[in-house]
Amino acid sequence: MLIKLGIIRSRIILIFAQQANRILDNIGSVFRVFVPMCLYFIIMWAGTFFLVYYLTSRKEGSKKYGYKMAVVQSFTAGSNK
């Protein structure tokens, strides 16, 4: 399993290395896509984390989940674009 992950990571790095000139030549277009995606992830992750953490830590909420549930739901919400 770890070997497969290593192979996948090295292929991703190789793909980006091969495209470095195109990325740098079109840096404006890259940031036009990159910045909104990062903002979306940060806003969705933080909003979901605090909402779920608040709802599970309330008196009526399920205390057994708390932080773990908040983190799982936050990454799920942040990656659904």
C-alpha atoms as a PDB file:
ATOM      1  CA  MET A   1       0.000   0.000   0.000  1.00  0.00           C
ATOM      2  CA  LEU A   2       2.767   2.453   0.911  1.00  0.00           C
ATOM      3  CA  ILE A   3       4.628   1.625  -2.280  1.00  0.00           C
ATOM      4  CA  LYS A   4       1.550   2.448  -4.354  1.00  0.00           C
ATOM      5  CA  LEU A   5       1.156   5.790  -2.580  1.00  0.00           C
ATOM      6  CA  GLY A   6       4.818   6.567  -3.220  1.00  0.00           C
ATOM      7  CA  ILE A   7       4.439   5.786  -6.912  1.00  0.00           C
ATOM      8  CA  ILE A   8       1.333   7.972  -7.161  1.00  0.00           C
ATOM      9  CA  ARG A   9       3.080  10.876  -5.409  1.00  0.00           C
ATOM     10  CA  SER A  10       6.119  10.633  -7.653  1.00  0.00           C
ATOM     11  CA  ARG A  11       3.912  10.628 -10.760  1.00  0.00           C
ATOM     12  CA  ILE A  12       2.043  13.720  -9.568  1.00  0.00           C
ATOM     13  CA  ILE A  13       5.328  15.529  -8.907  1.00  0.00           C
ATOM     14  CA  LEU A  14       6.613  14.473 -12.332  1.00  0.00           C
ATOM     15  CA  ILE A  15       3.477  15.764 -14.058  1.00  0.00           C
ATOM     16  CA  PHE A  16       3.771  19.151 -12.340  1.00  0.00           C
ATOM     17  CA  ALA A  17       7.495  19.335 -13.076  1.00  0.00           C
ATOM     18  CA  GLN A  18       6.847  18.721 -16.767  1.00  0.00           C
ATOM     19  CA  GLN A  19       4.232  21.488 -16.834  1.00  0.00           C
ATOM     20  CA  ALA A  20       6.265  24.038 -14.836  1.00  0.00           C
ATOM     21  CA  ASN A  21       6.941  26.311 -17.831  1.00  0.00           C
ATOM     22  CA  ARG A  22       3.286  26.410 -18.844  1.00  0.00           C
ATOM     23  CA  ILE A  23       2.241  27.158 -15.267  1.00  0.00           C
ATOM     24  CA  LEU A  24       4.764  29.977 -14.903  1.00  0.00           C
ATOM     25  CA  ASP A  25       3.915  31.443 -18.317  1.00  0.00           C
ATOM     26  CA  ASN A  26       0.220  31.600 -17.348  1.00  0.00           C
ATOM     27  CA  ILE A  27       0.594  32.564 -13.692  1.00  0.00           C
ATOM     28  CA  GLY A  28      -2.334  35.001 -13.857  1.00  0.00           C
ATOM     29  CA  SER A  29      -4.734  32.290 -15.002  1.00  0.00           C
ATOM     30  CA  VAL A  30      -3.337  29.900 -12.424  1.00  0.00           C
ATOM     31  CA  PHE A  31      -4.007  32.335  -9.573  1.00  0.00           C
ATOM     32  CA  ARG A  32      -7.438  33.174 -10.968  1.00  0.00           C
ATOM     33  CA  VAL A  33      -8.355  29.535 -10.337  1.00  0.00           C
ATOM     34  CA  PHE A  34      -6.122  28.818  -7.328  1.00  0.00           C
ATOM     35  CA  VAL A  35      -7.186  31.686  -5.045  1.00  0.00           C
ATOM     36  CA  PRO A  36     -10.979  31.098  -5.210  1.00  0.00           C
ATOM     37  CA  MET A  37     -10.484  27.371  -4.677  1.00  0.00           C
ATOM     38  CA  CYS A  38      -8.353  27.984  -1.586  1.00  0.00           C
ATOM     39  CA  LEU A  39     -10.834  30.508  -0.236  1.00  0.00           C
ATOM     40  CA  TYR A  40     -13.698  28.072  -0.830  1.00  0.00           C
ATOM     41  CA  PHE A  41     -11.862  25.314   1.043  1.00  0.00           C
ATOM     42  CA  ILE A  42     -10.943  27.550   3.990  1.00  0.00           C
ATOM     43  CA  ILE A  43     -14.448  29.009   4.344  1.00  0.00           C
ATOM     44  CA  MET A  44     -16.237  25.669   3.986  1.00  0.00           C
ATOM     45  CA  TRP A  45     -13.805  23.847   6.285  1.00  0.00           C
ATOM     46  CA  ALA A  46     -13.917  26.451   9.049  1.00  0.00           C
ATOM     47  CA  GLY A  47     -17.669  27.003   8.816  1.00  0.00           C
ATOM     48  CA  THR A  48     -18.457  23.306   8.891  1.00  0.00           C
ATOM     49  CA  PHE A  49     -15.978  22.602  11.671  1.00  0.00           C
ATOM     50  CA  PHE A  50     -17.362  25.247  14.009  1.00  0.00           C
ATOM     51  CA  LEU A  51     -20.989  24.413  13.208  1.00  0.00           C
ATOM     52  CA  VAL A  52     -20.594  20.661  13.748  1.00  0.00           C
ATOM     53  CA  TYR A  53     -18.392  21.127  16.817  1.00  0.00           C
ATOM     54  CA  TYR A  54     -20.943  23.527  18.299  1.00  0.00           C
ATOM     55  CA  LEU A  55     -23.889  21.255  17.541  1.00  0.00           C
ATOM     56  CA  THR A  56     -22.199  18.182  19.037  1.00  0.00           C
ATOM     57  CA  SER A  57     -20.977  19.998  22.146  1.00  0.00           C
ATOM     58  CA  ARG A  58     -24.401  21.380  23.078  1.00  0.00           C
ATOM     59  CA  LYS A  59     -26.395  19.970  25.928  1.00  0.00           C
ATOM     60  CA  GLU A  60     -28.686  18.068  23.539  1.00  0.00           C
ATOM     61  CA  GLY A  61     -25.879  17.104  21.152  1.00  0.00           C
ATOM     62  CA  SER A  62     -24.115  13.765  20.993  1.00  0.00           C
ATOM     63  CA  LYS A  63     -20.985  14.192  23.120  1.00  0.00           C
ATOM     64  CA  LYS A  64     -19.389  10.971  21.905  1.00  0.00           C
ATOM     65  CA  TYR A  65     -18.538  12.447  18.490  1.00  0.00           C
ATOM     66  CA  GLY A  66     -17.428  16.040  19.111  1.00  0.00           C
ATOM     67  CA  TYR A  67     -14.042  16.900  17.624  1.00  0.00           C
ATOM     68  CA  LYS A  68     -13.659  13.727  15.540  1.00  0.00           C
ATOM     69  CA  MET A  69     -16.992  14.211  13.811  1.00  0.00           C
ATOM     70  CA  ALA A  70     -16.287  17.902  13.245  1.00  0.00           C
ATOM     71  CA  VAL A  71     -12.963  17.176  11.522  1.00  0.00           C
ATOM     72  CA  VAL A  72     -14.393  14.438   9.302  1.00  0.00           C
ATOM     73  CA  GLN A  73     -17.352  16.547   8.225  1.00  0.00           C
ATOM     74  CA  SER A  74     -15.137  19.600   7.662  1.00  0.00           C
ATOM     75  CA  PHE A  75     -12.821  17.822   5.248  1.00  0.00           C
ATOM     76  CA  THR A  76     -15.812  16.291   3.471  1.00  0.00           C
ATOM     77  CA  ALA A  77     -17.465  19.695   3.047  1.00  0.00           C
ATOM     78  CA  GLY A  78     -14.217  21.428   2.049  1.00  0.00           C
ATOM     79  CA  SER A  79     -13.388  18.908  -0.652  1.00  0.00           C
ATOM     80  CA  ASN A  80     -16.819  18.846  -2.308  1.00  0.00           C
ATOM     81  CA  LYS A  81     -16.299  21.456  -4.991  1.00  0.00           C
END
